[in-house]
């Protein structure tokens, strides 16, 4: 089961992905009390981050402490989490914010009964990635791919050519899936391949 929470002033999508009595939280950007209420009695197996911008990580420390759980991200994202200029915490939140002691992940990760395949997609930010959860045919795209759009590149660590390579990689994924982006509505990968102007190449 996948539950979407729209959080904070930038309306960021946080996802609670559950299986049996446990769950994984993806991109908890704000409102930790709200997230805790929505998790309920589920056992939190971990927190996954698609990238290191503050609007996607602002509730991480509070949730990690509350659930005594681990935080997982790519190597470059973990570096961003330690740099408040790169993670935009001062710009978006008004105060310096870091997340330390992050577990580095590469190809995939199994948390409880859930396995998430990882696709690294830098461009919007260094270390950006997608998570594919085959059990629900769900692709969590963070701010790399939106319905009808893609991530901006004008923040620190953003890179146009890296994003183009990442979008090319997404265009050629050999499966269809439901797309769960970091902002905005859900979509379908096949729909985006046919209609998203950033994938029409």
Protein backbone atom coordinates (compact mmCIF):
# COMPACT_ATOMS: atom_id res chain seq x y z
CA UNK A 1 0.00 0.00 0.00
CA UNK A 2 1.22 3.51 -0.83
CA UNK A 3 0.02 6.59 0.99
CA UNK A 4 0.90 10.08 -0.25
CA UNK A 5 1.21 13.00 2.15
CA UNK A 6 1.53 16.54 0.77
CA UNK A 7 3.66 18.45 3.22
CA UNK A 8 5.02 21.90 3.93
CA UNK A 9 4.82 25.25 2.14
CA UNK A 10 6.28 23.83 -1.08
CA UNK A 11 3.71 21.01 -1.16
CA UNK A 12 6.25 18.19 -1.24
CA UNK A 13 5.10 14.59 -1.65
CA UNK A 14 6.13 12.21 1.12
CA UNK A 15 5.24 8.55 0.69
CA UNK A 16 4.54 5.86 3.24
CA UNK A 17 5.01 2.46 1.58
CA UNK A 18 3.68 -0.38 3.69
CA UNK A 19 3.69 -4.16 3.53
CA UNK A 20 2.18 -6.37 6.23
CA UNK A 21 2.85 -4.56 9.52
CA UNK A 22 5.87 -2.51 8.46
CA UNK A 23 6.57 0.50 6.26
CA UNK A 24 9.22 2.66 4.64
CA UNK A 25 9.02 6.46 4.58
CA UNK A 26 10.23 8.16 1.39
CA UNK A 27 11.24 11.86 1.44
CA UNK A 28 9.79 13.13 4.73
CA UNK A 29 10.15 16.83 4.02
CA UNK A 30 8.13 18.48 6.78
CA UNK A 31 5.41 18.02 9.42
CA UNK A 32 6.86 15.07 11.36
CA UNK A 33 3.85 14.91 13.69
CA UNK A 34 1.54 14.48 10.72
CA UNK A 35 3.72 11.70 9.33
CA UNK A 36 3.76 9.93 12.70
CA UNK A 37 -0.04 10.09 12.84
CA UNK A 38 -0.32 8.59 9.35
CA UNK A 39 2.20 5.82 10.07
CA UNK A 40 0.13 4.77 13.05
CA UNK A 41 1.08 1.36 14.44
CA UNK A 42 3.26 0.35 11.49
CA UNK A 43 6.87 -0.56 12.19
CA UNK A 44 9.17 1.83 10.32
CA UNK A 45 11.95 -0.13 8.62
CA UNK A 46 13.80 2.91 7.30
CA UNK A 47 13.73 6.30 5.61
CA UNK A 48 14.65 6.55 1.92
CA UNK A 49 15.70 9.84 0.30
CA UNK A 50 15.52 10.57 -3.41
CA UNK A 51 17.81 13.60 -3.05
CA UNK A 52 19.13 16.06 -0.52
CA UNK A 53 17.05 19.22 -0.80
CA UNK A 54 15.54 20.57 2.41
CA UNK A 55 11.92 20.30 1.30
CA UNK A 56 12.47 16.51 1.09
CA UNK A 57 14.51 16.02 4.26
CA UNK A 58 13.18 18.54 6.79
CA UNK A 59 11.48 15.91 9.00
CA UNK A 60 14.22 13.27 8.77
CA UNK A 61 15.99 13.91 12.06
CA UNK A 62 12.78 14.07 14.08
CA UNK A 63 11.49 10.82 12.56
CA UNK A 64 14.80 9.00 12.87
CA UNK A 65 14.92 9.87 16.57
CA UNK A 66 11.27 8.98 17.15
CA UNK A 67 11.43 5.59 15.41
CA UNK A 68 15.09 4.82 16.12
CA UNK A 69 15.45 3.88 12.46
CA UNK A 70 18.07 4.34 9.73
CA UNK A 71 18.26 6.81 6.86
CA UNK A 72 19.34 5.61 3.41
CA UNK A 73 20.59 7.60 0.41
CA UNK A 74 23.18 7.58 -2.36
CA UNK A 75 26.73 8.67 -1.61
CA UNK A 76 26.38 12.10 -3.27
CA UNK A 77 23.08 12.74 -1.52
CA UNK A 78 24.64 11.86 1.82
CA UNK A 79 27.29 14.49 1.11
CA UNK A 80 24.60 17.08 0.38
CA UNK A 81 22.90 16.31 3.68
CA UNK A 82 26.00 17.56 5.50
CA UNK A 83 26.17 20.85 3.58
CA UNK A 84 23.46 23.41 4.36
CA UNK A 85 24.33 25.48 1.30
CA UNK A 86 23.77 22.48 -0.99
CA UNK A 87 20.74 21.12 0.83
CA UNK A 88 19.07 24.57 0.74
CA UNK A 89 18.05 24.47 4.39
CA UNK A 90 18.90 28.13 5.01
CA UNK A 91 17.13 29.19 1.80
CA UNK A 92 13.99 27.13 2.34
CA UNK A 93 13.86 26.62 6.08
CA UNK A 94 15.67 29.60 7.51
CA UNK A 95 18.15 27.67 9.62
CA UNK A 96 21.14 25.41 9.12
CA UNK A 97 20.07 21.77 8.96
CA UNK A 98 22.12 18.64 8.37
CA UNK A 99 21.48 14.91 8.43
CA UNK A 100 24.45 12.78 9.44
CA UNK A 101 25.14 9.05 9.83
CA UNK A 102 23.35 8.14 6.59
CA UNK A 103 23.60 4.59 5.25
CA UNK A 104 24.95 4.60 1.68
CA UNK A 105 23.05 2.54 -0.88
CA UNK A 106 23.82 1.73 -4.50
CA UNK A 107 21.92 -0.85 -6.57
CA UNK A 108 19.06 -1.71 -4.29
CA UNK A 109 17.92 -2.23 -0.73
CA UNK A 110 15.65 -4.66 1.11
CA UNK A 111 13.79 -3.26 4.09
CA UNK A 112 11.55 -5.79 5.77
CA UNK A 113 9.63 -7.56 3.02
CA UNK A 114 10.10 -4.67 0.60
CA UNK A 115 12.83 -4.44 -2.02
CA UNK A 116 13.59 -1.16 -3.76
CA UNK A 117 15.67 -1.07 -6.94
CA UNK A 118 17.74 2.11 -7.25
CA UNK A 119 18.39 4.11 -10.41
CA UNK A 120 20.83 6.98 -9.96
CA UNK A 121 19.58 10.06 -11.84
CA UNK A 122 21.73 13.12 -11.05
CA UNK A 123 20.92 16.48 -12.59
CA UNK A 124 18.32 18.19 -10.44
CA UNK A 125 20.81 17.60 -7.64
CA UNK A 126 23.88 15.44 -7.30
CA UNK A 127 22.99 12.01 -6.01
CA UNK A 128 19.35 12.16 -7.12
CA UNK A 129 17.85 8.72 -7.62
CA UNK A 130 14.67 6.83 -8.37
CA UNK A 131 13.31 3.94 -6.32
CA UNK A 132 11.37 1.16 -8.05
CA UNK A 133 9.18 -1.01 -5.86
CA UNK A 134 8.13 -3.89 -8.10
CA UNK A 135 5.52 -5.28 -5.72
CA UNK A 136 3.37 -2.19 -6.33
CA UNK A 137 4.87 -1.38 -9.75
CA UNK A 138 5.74 2.00 -8.28
CA UNK A 139 8.53 4.33 -9.42
CA UNK A 140 9.35 7.09 -6.93
CA UNK A 141 11.04 9.79 -8.98
CA UNK A 142 11.73 12.57 -6.48
CA UNK A 143 12.33 15.83 -8.33
CA UNK A 144 13.88 14.21 -11.40
CA UNK A 145 10.59 13.54 -13.20
CA UNK A 146 7.18 15.12 -12.69
CA UNK A 147 3.92 14.73 -14.56
CA UNK A 148 4.66 16.75 -17.70
CA UNK A 149 7.95 18.11 -16.42
CA UNK A 150 11.33 17.55 -14.84
CA UNK A 151 13.45 19.01 -12.07
CA UNK A 152 15.02 22.44 -12.21
CA UNK A 153 18.80 22.77 -12.42
CA UNK A 154 19.49 26.25 -11.04
CA UNK A 155 20.21 25.18 -7.47
CA UNK A 156 23.68 24.22 -6.21
CA UNK A 157 24.81 20.84 -7.65
CA UNK A 158 22.18 21.06 -10.41
CA UNK A 159 23.58 20.17 -13.82
CA UNK A 160 21.85 20.34 -17.21
CA UNK A 161 23.90 17.67 -18.95
CA UNK A 162 23.60 15.23 -16.06
CA UNK A 163 19.83 15.72 -16.05
CA UNK A 164 19.62 15.13 -19.80
CA UNK A 165 21.51 11.85 -19.37
CA UNK A 166 19.21 10.85 -16.54
CA UNK A 167 16.09 11.64 -18.57
CA UNK A 168 17.51 9.62 -21.46
CA UNK A 169 17.97 6.71 -19.06
CA UNK A 170 14.39 7.03 -17.82
CA UNK A 171 13.10 7.21 -21.40
CA UNK A 172 14.70 3.84 -22.10
CA UNK A 173 13.59 1.95 -19.00
CA UNK A 174 12.10 -1.28 -20.30
CA UNK A 175 9.05 -1.39 -18.06
CA UNK A 176 5.97 0.65 -17.36
CA UNK A 177 5.16 1.81 -13.85
CA UNK A 178 3.10 4.24 -11.84
CA UNK A 179 5.14 7.40 -11.30
CA UNK A 180 5.13 8.92 -7.82
CA UNK A 181 6.94 12.28 -8.09
CA UNK A 182 8.30 14.59 -5.44
CA UNK A 183 5.71 17.27 -6.23
CA UNK A 184 2.40 17.23 -8.05
CA UNK A 185 0.12 14.44 -9.18
CA UNK A 186 0.83 10.80 -9.89
CA UNK A 187 1.39 9.69 -13.48
CA UNK A 188 2.34 6.66 -15.56
CA UNK A 189 5.76 6.11 -17.10
CA UNK A 190 4.28 5.16 -20.48
CA UNK A 191 2.24 8.38 -20.46
CA UNK A 192 5.31 10.46 -19.67
CA UNK A 193 7.32 8.82 -22.44
CA UNK A 194 4.66 9.84 -24.94
CA UNK A 195 3.65 13.24 -23.58
CA UNK A 196 6.32 14.75 -21.36
CA UNK A 197 8.21 17.32 -23.50
CA UNK A 198 11.44 16.49 -21.66
CA UNK A 199 11.24 12.85 -22.77
CA UNK A 200 10.38 13.49 -26.41
CA UNK A 201 13.78 12.77 -27.97
